[in-house]
Amino acid sequence: MELTNLKEIYSKLESKHKLPSFKELNESFEVDKIERESDTMLRVIRKTMMEKIVNSLGFLEMLLNPMQIPRMYMSFVKVMNHEDKEMIEKIYNDFSELSMNSLECEINYSEKTEAELIKKIFKKWTVQKPNFQKIFSKIKTPGNGEAKRERSYFG
């Protein structure tokens, strides 16, 4: 589908349901990758948004339950403090709620319900985005060498 057609279709839905702008959605969720028209366009948009939420949930789950965590995250997990865990838990809980709501939408299609969930996903993502960025910042520079000091003595 041409991007202009997608924007046109979305524009009508946006004004009807008071949705976030196409630009805002696209910057956060890459909705411009939708390739075909659909009679249930809001469902397609919601599913596209949920891809990012579900991927984020998987990443957060890995940090919370690091059984087979890749080595690149291990140094952060070792020095993760209570505040970090609480922040991760809060994001995880918010995104889990969205995931459950999304699964519920799979049972019965309702344009109104899809629109409400799109607004909710966008709002929760916008609220949690700064916290997610803090986590990534800490992963890049974990613990200021605390983990190294703990392992420096082999005696």
Protein backbone atom coordinates (compact mmCIF):
# COMPACT_ATOMS: atom_id res chain seq x y z
CA MET A 1 0.00 0.00 0.00
CA GLU A 2 1.23 3.45 -0.79
CA LEU A 3 2.16 5.56 2.21
CA THR A 4 -0.17 8.35 1.07
CA ASN A 5 -3.10 5.90 0.99
CA LEU A 6 -2.25 4.65 4.46
CA LYS A 7 -2.05 8.20 5.79
CA GLU A 8 -5.38 9.01 4.15
CA ILE A 9 -7.12 6.01 5.69
CA TYR A 10 -5.56 6.70 9.06
CA SER A 11 -6.51 10.36 8.94
CA LYS A 12 -10.19 9.43 8.74
CA LEU A 13 -9.85 6.99 11.63
CA GLU A 14 -7.79 9.49 13.61
CA SER A 15 -10.47 12.16 13.50
CA LYS A 16 -13.28 9.66 14.11
CA HIS A 17 -11.65 8.14 17.23
CA LYS A 18 -9.35 10.97 18.40
CA LEU A 19 -6.22 8.87 17.85
CA PRO A 20 -2.61 10.07 18.05
CA SER A 21 -1.28 11.58 14.84
CA PHE A 22 0.13 9.31 12.16
CA LYS A 23 3.52 10.97 12.59
CA GLU A 24 3.59 10.21 16.34
CA LEU A 25 2.53 6.60 15.83
CA ASN A 26 4.97 6.08 13.02
CA GLU A 27 7.92 7.52 14.96
CA SER A 28 7.26 5.16 17.87
CA PHE A 29 5.83 2.07 16.14
CA GLU A 30 6.76 2.20 12.43
CA VAL A 31 3.18 1.86 11.24
CA ASP A 32 4.29 2.92 7.77
CA LYS A 33 5.46 -0.66 7.23
CA ILE A 34 1.82 -1.79 6.87
CA GLU A 35 1.70 -3.17 3.34
CA ARG A 36 -1.95 -3.73 2.53
CA GLU A 37 -5.38 -2.24 2.99
CA SER A 38 -7.77 -3.91 5.35
CA ASP A 39 -11.39 -3.62 6.38
CA THR A 40 -10.07 -3.86 9.94
CA MET A 41 -7.28 -1.28 9.61
CA LEU A 42 -7.25 -0.40 13.30
CA ARG A 43 -6.61 -4.05 14.13
CA VAL A 44 -3.65 -4.08 11.74
CA ILE A 45 -2.30 -0.90 13.31
CA ARG A 46 -2.76 -2.28 16.83
CA LYS A 47 -0.97 -5.50 15.89
CA THR A 48 1.91 -3.52 14.40
CA MET A 49 2.19 -1.51 17.62
CA MET A 50 2.06 -4.67 19.72
CA GLU A 51 5.08 -6.12 17.92
CA LYS A 52 7.24 -3.54 19.70
CA ILE A 53 5.49 -4.10 23.04
CA VAL A 54 5.89 -7.90 22.84
CA ASN A 55 9.57 -7.58 21.82
CA SER A 56 10.12 -5.22 24.75
CA LEU A 57 8.40 -7.68 27.09
CA GLY A 58 10.78 -10.41 25.98
CA PHE A 59 13.78 -8.20 26.68
CA LEU A 60 12.48 -7.21 30.12
CA GLU A 61 11.67 -10.84 30.92
CA MET A 62 15.28 -11.73 30.13
CA LEU A 63 16.51 -9.10 32.62
CA LEU A 64 14.09 -10.23 35.33
CA ASN A 65 14.76 -13.96 34.84
CA PRO A 66 18.36 -14.16 33.60
CA MET A 67 18.74 -17.93 33.30
CA GLN A 68 20.18 -17.93 29.75
CA ILE A 69 20.98 -14.23 29.46
CA PRO A 70 23.48 -13.19 26.78
CA ARG A 71 26.86 -12.22 28.22
CA MET A 72 26.51 -8.65 26.99
CA TYR A 73 23.80 -8.02 29.64
CA MET A 74 25.37 -10.03 32.45
CA SER A 75 27.39 -7.18 33.96
CA PHE A 76 24.24 -5.06 34.31
CA VAL A 77 22.21 -7.89 35.82
CA LYS A 78 24.93 -8.50 38.41
CA VAL A 79 24.86 -4.90 39.65
CA MET A 80 21.15 -4.22 39.15
CA ASN A 81 19.81 -2.49 42.26
CA HIS A 82 16.35 -2.42 43.83
CA GLU A 83 15.40 0.77 41.99
CA ASP A 84 16.36 -0.78 38.63
CA LYS A 85 14.30 -3.89 39.37
CA GLU A 86 11.29 -1.82 40.40
CA MET A 87 11.52 0.25 37.21
CA ILE A 88 11.80 -2.89 35.06
CA GLU A 89 8.88 -4.49 36.94
CA LYS A 90 6.70 -1.40 36.38
CA ILE A 91 7.39 -1.33 32.65
CA TYR A 92 6.90 -5.10 32.47
CA ASN A 93 3.55 -4.90 34.27
CA ASP A 94 2.31 -2.07 32.05
CA PHE A 95 3.33 -3.90 28.87
CA SER A 96 1.89 -7.20 30.15
CA GLU A 97 -1.45 -5.51 30.67
CA LEU A 98 -1.33 -4.23 27.09
CA SER A 99 -0.49 -7.70 25.85
CA MET A 100 -3.46 -9.22 27.67
CA ASN A 101 -5.78 -6.49 26.35
CA SER A 102 -4.48 -7.12 22.87
CA LEU A 103 -5.14 -10.85 23.12
CA GLU A 104 -8.66 -10.07 24.23
CA CYS A 105 -9.16 -7.96 21.10
CA GLU A 106 -8.33 -11.00 18.98
CA ILE A 107 -11.58 -12.68 20.01
CA ASN A 108 -14.06 -10.09 18.77
CA TYR A 109 -13.36 -7.20 16.44
CA SER A 110 -14.66 -3.81 17.47
CA GLU A 111 -13.34 -0.68 15.82
CA LYS A 112 -14.04 1.30 18.99
CA THR A 113 -12.19 -1.20 21.22
CA GLU A 114 -9.24 -1.27 18.82
CA ALA A 115 -9.10 2.53 18.82
CA GLU A 116 -9.18 2.68 22.62
CA LEU A 117 -6.38 0.13 22.85
CA ILE A 118 -4.27 2.02 20.30
CA LYS A 119 -4.61 5.14 22.47
CA LYS A 120 -3.74 3.13 25.59
CA ILE A 121 -0.68 1.51 23.97
CA PHE A 122 0.56 4.88 22.74
CA LYS A 123 0.05 6.48 26.16
CA LYS A 124 1.79 3.71 28.12
CA TRP A 125 4.68 3.62 25.64
CA THR A 126 5.08 7.39 25.92
CA VAL A 127 5.05 7.23 29.74
CA GLN A 128 7.49 4.29 29.97
CA LYS A 129 9.87 5.35 27.20
CA PRO A 130 12.06 7.54 29.50
CA ASN A 131 12.32 4.67 32.01
CA PHE A 132 13.27 2.28 29.23
CA GLN A 133 15.94 4.74 28.13
CA LYS A 134 17.33 4.85 31.72
CA ILE A 135 17.62 1.06 31.70
CA PHE A 136 19.50 1.08 28.39
CA SER A 137 21.79 3.80 29.69
CA LYS A 138 22.60 1.69 32.75
CA ILE A 139 23.16 -1.40 30.61
CA LYS A 140 25.75 0.52 28.59
CA THR A 141 27.65 1.58 31.74
CA PRO A 142 26.78 -0.95 34.45
CA GLY A 143 27.79 -0.33 38.05
CA ASN A 144 30.89 1.81 37.47
CA GLY A 145 33.20 -1.18 37.94
CA GLU A 146 31.50 -2.69 41.01
CA ALA A 147 31.33 -6.12 39.42
CA LYS A 148 35.05 -6.03 38.62
CA ARG A 149 36.00 -5.24 42.24
CA GLU A 150 33.94 -8.19 43.50
CA ARG A 151 35.79 -10.62 41.24
CA SER A 152 39.30 -9.21 41.59
CA TYR A 153 40.34 -11.42 44.53
CA PHE A 154 41.05 -15.08 43.60
CA GLY A 155 42.66 -16.20 46.89
